Protein backbone atom coordinates (compact mmCIF):
# COMPACT_ATOMS: atom_id res chain seq x y z
CA MET A 1 97.18 79.39 93.00
CA PRO A 2 95.58 76.67 95.15
CA LEU A 3 92.66 77.61 97.37
CA ALA A 4 94.66 76.65 100.48
CA GLU A 5 97.29 79.26 99.56
CA ARG A 6 94.59 81.90 99.10
CA HIS A 7 93.16 81.03 102.52
CA ARG A 8 96.65 81.37 104.00
CA LEU A 9 97.08 84.81 102.46
CA VAL A 10 93.57 85.96 103.43
CA PRO A 11 92.33 83.87 106.37
CA VAL A 12 89.61 86.37 107.31
CA PHE A 13 87.98 89.25 105.51
CA PRO A 14 90.46 92.15 105.61
CA VAL A 15 89.31 95.55 106.85
CA LEU A 16 91.21 98.49 105.35
CA ARG A 17 91.19 102.08 106.58
CA THR A 18 92.01 105.35 104.90
CA PRO A 19 91.76 108.85 106.37
CA ARG A 20 88.10 109.14 105.31
CA LEU A 21 86.92 105.58 104.73
CA GLU A 22 86.63 102.17 106.27
CA LEU A 23 86.63 99.35 103.73
CA ARG A 24 84.64 96.55 105.31
CA GLU A 25 82.86 93.33 104.49
CA LEU A 26 79.39 93.54 102.99
CA THR A 27 76.88 91.09 104.45
CA VAL A 28 73.31 90.03 103.68
CA ALA A 29 72.21 92.77 106.10
CA ASP A 30 73.47 95.25 103.48
CA ALA A 31 71.20 93.82 100.76
CA PRO A 32 68.63 96.69 100.93
CA TRP A 33 71.43 99.24 100.50
CA TYR A 34 72.95 97.13 97.71
CA LEU A 35 69.63 96.97 95.86
CA ALA A 36 69.09 100.73 96.10
CA HIS A 37 72.69 101.56 95.18
CA PHE A 38 72.84 99.27 92.15
CA SER A 39 69.42 100.42 90.96
CA ASP A 40 70.61 104.04 90.61
CA PRO A 41 70.65 104.70 86.84
CA GLU A 42 74.02 106.45 87.04
CA ILE A 43 75.58 103.46 88.82
CA VAL A 44 73.93 100.99 86.43
CA HIS A 45 75.25 102.88 83.40
CA GLY A 46 78.80 103.04 84.75
CA THR A 47 79.04 99.39 85.77
CA GLY A 48 77.51 97.87 82.67
CA PHE A 49 75.22 95.60 84.72
CA PRO A 50 71.44 95.91 84.78
CA ALA A 51 69.68 96.66 88.07
CA GLN A 52 68.72 93.62 90.13
CA ASP A 53 65.18 92.31 90.30
CA GLY A 54 64.18 93.06 93.91
CA ILE A 55 65.86 91.96 97.12
CA ALA A 56 66.14 88.34 95.92
CA GLY A 57 68.05 89.55 92.86
CA ALA A 58 70.31 91.68 95.06
CA LEU A 59 71.08 88.72 97.32
CA ASP A 60 71.84 86.54 94.31
CA GLU A 61 74.14 89.16 92.82
CA MET A 62 75.86 89.69 96.17
CA ASP A 63 76.50 85.96 96.37
CA ARG A 64 78.08 85.94 92.90
CA TYR A 65 80.10 89.17 93.11
CA VAL A 66 80.60 89.97 96.80
CA THR A 67 80.07 87.42 99.58
CA GLY A 68 80.57 84.33 97.43
CA LEU A 69 83.52 85.92 95.66
CA PHE A 70 85.35 86.07 98.98
CA GLU A 71 84.18 82.64 100.18
CA ARG A 72 85.66 81.16 96.99
CA ARG A 73 88.74 83.40 97.41
CA GLU A 74 88.37 84.58 93.81
CA GLY A 75 88.51 88.19 94.97
CA ILE A 76 87.51 90.69 97.64
CA ARG A 77 84.75 93.31 97.34
CA TRP A 78 84.68 95.88 100.12
CA GLY A 79 81.85 98.14 101.20
CA LEU A 80 83.05 101.74 101.43
CA VAL A 81 81.86 103.35 104.66
CA LEU A 82 82.50 106.94 105.67
CA ALA A 83 84.91 106.85 108.62
CA GLY A 84 83.20 107.15 111.99
CA THR A 85 79.73 106.42 110.56
CA ASP A 86 77.67 103.52 109.24
CA THR A 87 77.08 105.27 105.90
CA LEU A 88 77.85 103.05 102.91
CA VAL A 89 78.76 105.14 99.86
CA GLY A 90 80.01 102.52 97.40
CA THR A 91 81.99 99.35 96.84
CA ALA A 92 85.39 98.51 95.43
CA GLY A 93 87.47 95.42 95.10
CA ILE A 94 89.49 92.93 93.17
CA PHE A 95 88.17 89.99 91.18
CA ARG A 96 89.47 87.32 88.80
CA TRP A 97 92.40 86.79 91.17
CA THR A 98 94.76 84.77 88.99
CA GLY A 99 97.90 82.91 90.03
CA GLY A 100 100.83 81.84 87.91
CA GLU A 101 104.17 83.45 87.15
CA GLU A 102 102.62 86.90 87.09
CA PRO A 103 99.62 86.83 89.44
CA PHE A 104 97.09 89.58 88.83
CA ALA A 105 93.50 90.62 89.44
CA GLY A 106 90.93 92.95 87.96
CA ILE A 107 89.77 95.95 89.96
CA GLY A 108 86.27 97.38 89.97
CA TYR A 109 84.50 100.11 91.89
CA ASP A 110 81.37 102.23 92.17
CA LEU A 111 80.42 105.26 94.22
CA ALA A 112 77.11 106.93 94.96
CA PRO A 113 76.81 110.03 92.76
CA ALA A 114 76.38 112.31 95.80
CA TRP A 115 80.01 111.53 96.67
CA TRP A 116 81.56 111.97 93.22
CA GLY A 117 84.35 114.51 92.85
CA LYS A 118 85.59 114.34 96.44
CA GLY A 119 88.54 111.98 95.93
CA LEU A 120 87.02 109.15 97.98
CA MET A 121 87.33 106.52 95.27
CA THR A 122 90.95 107.39 94.56
CA GLU A 123 91.61 107.00 98.29
CA ALA A 124 89.91 103.59 98.33
CA ILE A 125 91.70 102.38 95.20
CA GLU A 126 95.07 103.38 96.61
CA ALA A 127 94.40 101.37 99.80
CA ILE A 128 93.32 98.36 97.73
CA THR A 129 96.38 98.53 95.48
CA VAL A 130 98.74 98.60 98.47
CA TYR A 131 96.95 95.55 99.90
CA ALA A 132 96.99 93.76 96.53
CA PHE A 133 100.71 94.27 96.02
CA GLU A 134 102.04 94.02 99.58
CA THR A 135 99.78 91.33 101.08
CA LEU A 136 98.61 89.31 98.07
CA GLY A 137 101.84 89.68 96.10
CA LEU A 138 100.11 90.54 92.83
CA ALA A 139 102.30 91.55 89.91
CA PHE A 140 99.70 93.92 88.48
CA LEU A 141 96.08 95.05 88.54
CA GLU A 142 93.97 95.71 85.48
CA ALA A 143 90.78 97.67 84.98
CA PHE A 144 88.37 98.00 82.08
CA VAL A 145 86.23 101.10 81.60
CA LEU A 146 83.41 101.42 79.08
CA ASP A 147 84.24 103.99 76.41
CA GLY A 148 82.62 107.30 77.32
CA ASN A 149 83.02 106.91 81.10
CA GLU A 150 85.54 109.71 81.43
CA ARG A 151 85.01 110.13 85.18
CA SER A 152 86.10 106.55 85.82
CA ARG A 153 89.09 106.91 83.51
CA ARG A 154 90.26 110.00 85.41
CA THR A 155 89.84 108.17 88.73
CA LEU A 156 92.14 105.38 87.58
CA GLU A 157 94.69 107.83 86.25
CA ARG A 158 94.73 109.74 89.56
CA ALA A 159 95.35 106.41 91.31
CA GLY A 160 98.40 105.81 89.09
CA PHE A 161 96.95 103.42 86.51
CA ARG A 162 98.36 103.58 82.98
CA HIS A 163 96.11 103.44 79.90
CA THR A 164 97.21 100.48 77.76
CA GLY A 165 94.68 100.57 74.95
CA LEU A 166 91.14 100.71 73.64
CA LEU A 167 89.65 97.27 72.99
CA SER A 168 86.97 97.08 70.33
CA ALA A 169 83.63 95.45 71.28
CA HIS A 170 85.22 94.09 74.47
CA GLY A 171 82.62 94.58 77.21
CA GLU A 172 78.86 94.77 77.51
CA ASP A 173 76.82 97.71 78.74
CA GLU A 174 73.77 97.34 81.00
CA HIS A 175 71.65 96.41 77.96
CA GLY A 176 73.95 93.58 76.86
CA VAL A 177 75.31 95.57 73.91
CA LEU A 178 78.99 95.05 73.11
CA CYS A 179 80.98 98.25 73.63
CA ASP A 180 84.55 99.38 73.37
CA GLU A 181 86.48 99.39 76.62
CA HIS A 182 89.63 101.12 77.77
CA ARG A 183 92.17 98.91 79.52
CA TYR A 184 94.27 100.24 82.39
CA GLU A 185 97.10 98.60 84.30
CA LEU A 186 98.99 99.30 87.50
CA ARG A 187 102.15 97.59 88.65
CA PRO A 188 103.82 98.08 92.03
CA PRO A 189 106.58 100.67 92.20
CA ALA A 190 110.03 99.29 91.46
CA ARG A 191 112.03 98.57 94.59
CA GLY A 192 115.44 100.01 94.56
């Protein structure tokens, strides 16, 4: 899909709202939060990326995976803010936005451990999937979860994703070691 078409579909950063969350743009002002969040050992282990090296590392990573991702229209990564507050609790978004006959994107997410088990991520994922299918016209979303991350697998299943297989030595953990990953897929409901 040409960049001009992506700009037409998403001319400005989209803000999404759920009953308990506002999904908003992350900016360089959020870099201190980003550094702290992605330095939490539980977040690092779940994402498979090592912690950044200081604020400069956080800004560089944000450029690659958040702010720059949107500028290039390769995806959208939202900051998850508790509704009615300024409290960031995680991020979620789509990446590897691919065109063609069956356009699709990957979906990724993370949530501060203090907020695990409250259904917030399922709520965010559901808002993102509606946006991905209804506004972007994607045919499906896919997610990969490192083997052993049962919490993340359950989150995807609650959001309606279907497990499609276990891929051997498919993704790297935070130490750069190849690990098995579970693949999940979600397609929009059939219209009838």
